[in-house]
Amino acid sequence: MELKASLYIVPTPIGNLADITLRALEVLKAVDLILAEDTRTSGKLLKHYLISKPLQSFHNFNEHKVVHTLVKRLQEGEKMALVSDAGTPGISDPGFLIVRAALQAGIEVDCLPGATAFVPALIKSGLPCDRFVFEGFLPHKKGRQTLLKKLAEEERTMVFYESPHRLIKTLEQFKEYFGLERQASVSRELTKLFEETKNGTLEEILQYFSAKEVKGEVVIVVGGKQ
């Protein structure tokens, strides 16, 4: 495969390893270096598809330190692919800094289409998806209540990411700020063996998940204010 860009943003499966495009595999086979959020996780994917390429860590804790060096290597002609543990890099994952720095340096960047967790969750919610707002992970402390007050007036469908151990607390706060009758949807373990989506009011969803152990990354979709 002839690589026209220098830096490729390559989506990876969010669960099912078959959910990767043929073009993504071609790019991963052709680049000189793969930047990975967790080299162990990405290593399993590459091994599954018999791809042997150098891996380098690129994550939230080191991206500020290594961006300048990576951009210099790109300017010298190296071809790189950026992947995250799951989904599209840059969507609540590392990626923004190196894309911005590469573009500012005149380096060509290409982003492949592919898996992103919030899209299937949004569609499966049954809530309006012609206009929506993606909020990702809410701040844990500072600014959280201020943001929730603001979002209580949002008329578009809202999409959030959440960890399983914080789901109940977040749903309780949503019920407090948005109202117990607000329509919502929670999807977890998307594309995996125990994939689950629960639709209903915030009150119904909260009762459902309060009665069970929640595992797997979670996407919460909440209807806008009527």
Protein backbone atom coordinates (compact mmCIF):
# COMPACT_ATOMS: atom_id res chain seq x y z
CA MET A 1 0.00 0.00 0.00
CA GLU A 2 1.30 3.44 -0.94
CA LEU A 3 0.96 5.83 2.00
CA LYS A 4 0.12 9.37 0.90
CA ALA A 5 -0.17 10.89 4.38
CA SER A 6 2.46 10.81 7.12
CA LEU A 7 0.25 10.35 10.18
CA TYR A 8 -2.78 8.06 10.11
CA ILE A 9 -5.49 8.02 12.78
CA VAL A 10 -6.70 4.42 12.76
CA PRO A 11 -9.88 3.31 14.58
CA THR A 12 -9.70 -0.11 16.22
CA PRO A 13 -12.51 -2.45 17.37
CA ILE A 14 -14.40 -1.49 20.54
CA GLY A 15 -14.89 -5.17 21.35
CA ASN A 16 -15.36 -7.60 18.50
CA LEU A 17 -12.01 -7.96 16.73
CA ALA A 18 -13.78 -8.37 13.38
CA ASP A 19 -14.93 -4.74 13.49
CA ILE A 20 -11.89 -3.30 11.72
CA THR A 21 -11.75 -2.16 8.12
CA LEU A 22 -9.58 -3.71 5.42
CA ARG A 23 -8.01 -0.31 4.83
CA ALA A 24 -7.11 0.01 8.52
CA LEU A 25 -5.26 -3.30 8.36
CA GLU A 26 -3.43 -2.21 5.22
CA VAL A 27 -2.29 1.02 6.88
CA LEU A 28 -1.11 -0.78 10.03
CA LYS A 29 0.93 -3.15 7.86
CA ALA A 30 2.47 -0.31 5.85
CA VAL A 31 3.53 2.29 8.44
CA ASP A 32 6.95 2.43 10.10
CA LEU A 33 5.64 2.90 13.64
CA ILE A 34 2.37 2.40 15.53
CA LEU A 35 1.60 4.75 18.42
CA ALA A 36 -0.56 2.92 20.95
CA GLU A 37 -2.43 4.00 24.07
CA ASP A 38 -1.50 0.65 25.66
CA THR A 39 1.03 -1.43 23.73
CA ARG A 40 -0.20 -4.64 25.41
CA THR A 41 -3.78 -4.10 24.26
CA SER A 42 -2.81 -3.07 20.74
CA GLY A 43 -0.27 -5.89 20.61
CA LYS A 44 -3.07 -8.45 20.97
CA LEU A 45 -4.94 -6.91 18.02
CA LEU A 46 -1.82 -6.84 15.85
CA LYS A 47 -0.98 -10.44 16.76
CA HIS A 48 -4.51 -11.51 15.85
CA TYR A 49 -4.03 -10.07 12.34
CA LEU A 50 -0.40 -11.20 12.04
CA ILE A 51 0.94 -7.64 11.90
CA SER A 52 4.47 -7.14 13.15
CA LYS A 53 5.40 -3.46 13.52
CA PRO A 54 7.25 -1.41 16.16
CA LEU A 55 4.96 -0.13 18.90
CA GLN A 56 5.46 2.99 21.03
CA SER A 57 3.36 4.16 23.97
CA PHE A 58 1.34 7.31 23.41
CA HIS A 59 -1.17 8.05 26.15
CA ASN A 60 -2.59 10.78 28.39
CA PHE A 61 0.40 10.70 30.72
CA ASN A 62 3.19 11.09 28.18
CA GLU A 63 1.72 12.76 25.09
CA HIS A 64 2.90 16.28 26.08
CA LYS A 65 6.46 14.99 26.46
CA VAL A 66 6.79 13.04 23.22
CA VAL A 67 4.77 15.06 20.69
CA HIS A 68 7.71 17.28 19.64
CA THR A 69 9.99 14.29 19.05
CA LEU A 70 7.34 12.42 17.07
CA VAL A 71 6.58 15.42 14.86
CA LYS A 72 10.29 15.77 14.09
CA ARG A 73 10.43 12.11 13.05
CA LEU A 74 7.37 12.60 10.85
CA GLN A 75 9.07 15.57 9.20
CA GLU A 76 12.07 13.35 8.51
CA GLY A 77 9.89 10.95 6.55
CA GLU A 78 8.63 8.31 8.97
CA LYS A 79 5.07 7.07 8.50
CA MET A 80 3.04 6.52 11.67
CA ALA A 81 -0.35 5.25 12.73
CA LEU A 82 -2.07 6.30 15.94
CA VAL A 83 -4.41 3.81 17.61
CA SER A 84 -6.23 3.79 20.95
CA ASP A 85 -7.24 0.82 23.08
CA ALA A 86 -10.67 0.84 21.44
CA GLY A 87 -12.50 3.02 18.95
CA THR A 88 -11.34 6.17 17.20
CA PRO A 89 -8.32 7.99 18.69
CA GLY A 90 -9.12 11.50 19.83
CA ILE A 91 -12.66 10.68 20.98
CA SER A 92 -12.12 10.78 24.76
CA ASP A 93 -8.69 9.28 24.05
CA PRO A 94 -5.21 10.66 23.34
CA GLY A 95 -4.75 12.04 19.86
CA PHE A 96 -5.72 15.69 19.70
CA LEU A 97 -2.27 17.03 20.61
CA ILE A 98 -0.29 15.14 17.98
CA VAL A 99 -2.87 15.84 15.26
CA ARG A 100 -2.76 19.57 16.01
CA ALA A 101 1.04 19.62 16.22
CA ALA A 102 1.41 17.66 12.96
CA LEU A 103 -0.96 19.96 11.09
CA GLN A 104 0.80 23.05 12.43
CA ALA A 105 4.08 21.59 11.15
CA GLY A 106 2.61 21.10 7.68
CA ILE A 107 2.43 17.32 8.01
CA GLU A 108 -0.40 15.56 6.18
CA VAL A 109 -2.80 13.73 8.50
CA ASP A 110 -5.42 11.19 7.44
CA CYS A 111 -8.18 9.84 9.67
CA LEU A 112 -9.80 6.56 8.68
CA PRO A 113 -13.50 5.97 9.39
CA GLY A 114 -14.30 3.19 11.82
CA ALA A 115 -15.55 2.06 15.20
CA THR A 116 -16.71 4.62 17.77
CA ALA A 117 -18.69 3.48 20.80
CA PHE A 118 -21.17 6.34 21.01
CA VAL A 119 -22.59 5.84 17.49
CA PRO A 120 -24.23 2.40 18.00
CA ALA A 121 -25.33 3.46 21.50
CA LEU A 122 -26.98 6.58 20.11
CA ILE A 123 -28.78 4.68 17.34
CA LYS A 124 -29.95 1.91 19.71
CA SER A 125 -31.34 4.44 22.18
CA GLY A 126 -34.26 5.29 19.92
CA LEU A 127 -33.77 8.95 20.86
CA PRO A 128 -33.50 11.69 18.20
CA CYS A 129 -30.05 11.55 16.61
CA ASP A 130 -30.41 14.16 13.86
CA ARG A 131 -29.03 16.68 16.38
CA PHE A 132 -27.02 15.62 19.42
CA VAL A 133 -24.22 16.77 21.70
CA PHE A 134 -21.31 14.56 22.74
CA GLU A 135 -20.07 15.29 26.27
CA GLY A 136 -17.72 12.34 26.78
CA PHE A 137 -16.67 11.86 30.42
CA LEU A 138 -18.08 14.40 32.86
CA PRO A 139 -15.58 16.07 35.22
CA HIS A 140 -15.41 14.07 38.45
CA LYS A 141 -15.40 17.07 40.79
CA LYS A 142 -14.64 20.63 39.73
CA GLY A 143 -17.29 22.04 37.42
CA ARG A 144 -19.49 18.94 37.44
CA GLN A 145 -22.56 20.49 39.07
CA THR A 146 -22.25 23.66 37.00
CA LEU A 147 -22.16 21.60 33.82
CA LEU A 148 -25.12 19.45 34.87
CA LYS A 149 -27.20 22.58 35.55
CA LYS A 150 -26.35 23.85 32.07
CA LEU A 151 -27.11 20.52 30.41
CA ALA A 152 -30.50 20.36 32.14
CA GLU A 153 -31.61 23.00 29.62
CA GLU A 154 -30.06 21.24 26.59
CA GLU A 155 -32.72 20.40 23.98
CA ARG A 156 -30.55 18.08 21.90
CA THR A 157 -29.91 14.42 22.72
CA MET A 158 -26.85 14.13 24.99
CA VAL A 159 -24.20 11.39 24.89
CA PHE A 160 -21.86 10.56 27.78
CA TYR A 161 -19.13 8.01 28.50
CA GLU A 162 -18.91 6.51 31.97
CA SER A 163 -17.01 3.82 33.85
CA PRO A 164 -19.03 0.95 35.34
CA HIS A 165 -18.23 1.80 38.98
CA ARG A 166 -19.49 5.38 38.55
CA LEU A 167 -22.66 4.56 36.60
CA ILE A 168 -25.09 4.55 39.53
CA LYS A 169 -23.81 7.85 40.94
CA THR A 170 -24.05 9.48 37.52
CA LEU A 171 -27.58 8.19 36.91
CA GLU A 172 -28.63 9.48 40.33
CA GLN A 173 -27.29 12.92 39.46
CA PHE A 174 -28.96 12.82 36.04
CA LYS A 175 -32.26 12.01 37.74
CA GLU A 176 -31.72 14.94 40.12
CA TYR A 177 -30.86 17.49 37.43
CA PHE A 178 -32.84 16.22 34.42
CA GLY A 179 -35.88 14.71 36.16
CA LEU A 180 -36.81 11.09 36.81
CA GLU A 181 -39.11 10.92 33.75
CA ARG A 182 -36.43 12.01 31.27
CA GLN A 183 -35.97 9.36 28.56
CA ALA A 184 -32.54 7.76 28.42
CA SER A 185 -30.55 4.71 27.37
CA VAL A 186 -27.52 2.89 28.75
CA SER A 187 -25.38 0.60 26.59
CA ARG A 188 -22.49 -1.46 27.91
CA GLU A 189 -20.08 -4.05 26.52
CA LEU A 190 -20.90 -2.92 22.98
CA THR A 191 -20.07 -5.53 20.28
CA LYS A 192 -19.00 -8.02 22.97
CA LEU A 193 -20.57 -11.30 24.10
CA PHE A 194 -22.58 -9.73 26.96
CA GLU A 195 -23.62 -6.55 25.11
CA GLU A 196 -26.62 -4.92 26.73
CA THR A 197 -28.80 -1.86 26.13
CA LYS A 198 -31.47 -0.66 28.54
CA ASN A 199 -33.91 2.03 27.39
CA GLY A 200 -36.49 3.84 29.50
CA THR A 201 -36.81 6.72 31.92
CA LEU A 202 -33.89 7.66 34.13
CA GLU A 203 -35.84 6.26 37.08
CA GLU A 204 -36.39 2.90 35.35
CA ILE A 205 -32.79 2.62 34.20
CA LEU A 206 -31.45 3.52 37.63
CA GLN A 207 -33.59 0.84 39.28
CA TYR A 208 -32.47 -1.73 36.71
CA PHE A 209 -28.73 -1.19 37.11
CA SER A 210 -28.92 -0.71 40.89
CA ALA A 211 -30.04 -4.32 41.16
CA LYS A 212 -27.07 -5.84 39.31
CA GLU A 213 -23.30 -5.73 39.03
CA VAL A 214 -22.24 -3.51 36.17
CA LYS A 215 -19.21 -4.47 34.08
CA GLY A 216 -17.70 -3.03 30.93
CA GLU A 217 -17.42 0.50 29.60
CA VAL A 218 -20.70 2.39 29.46
CA VAL A 219 -22.36 4.84 27.07
CA ILE A 220 -25.27 6.89 28.46
CA VAL A 221 -27.67 8.62 26.08
CA VAL A 222 -30.14 11.13 27.52
CA GLY A 223 -33.00 12.82 25.69
CA GLY A 224 -33.00 16.61 25.48
CA LYS A 225 -35.33 18.89 27.38
CA GLN A 226 -38.80 18.96 25.84
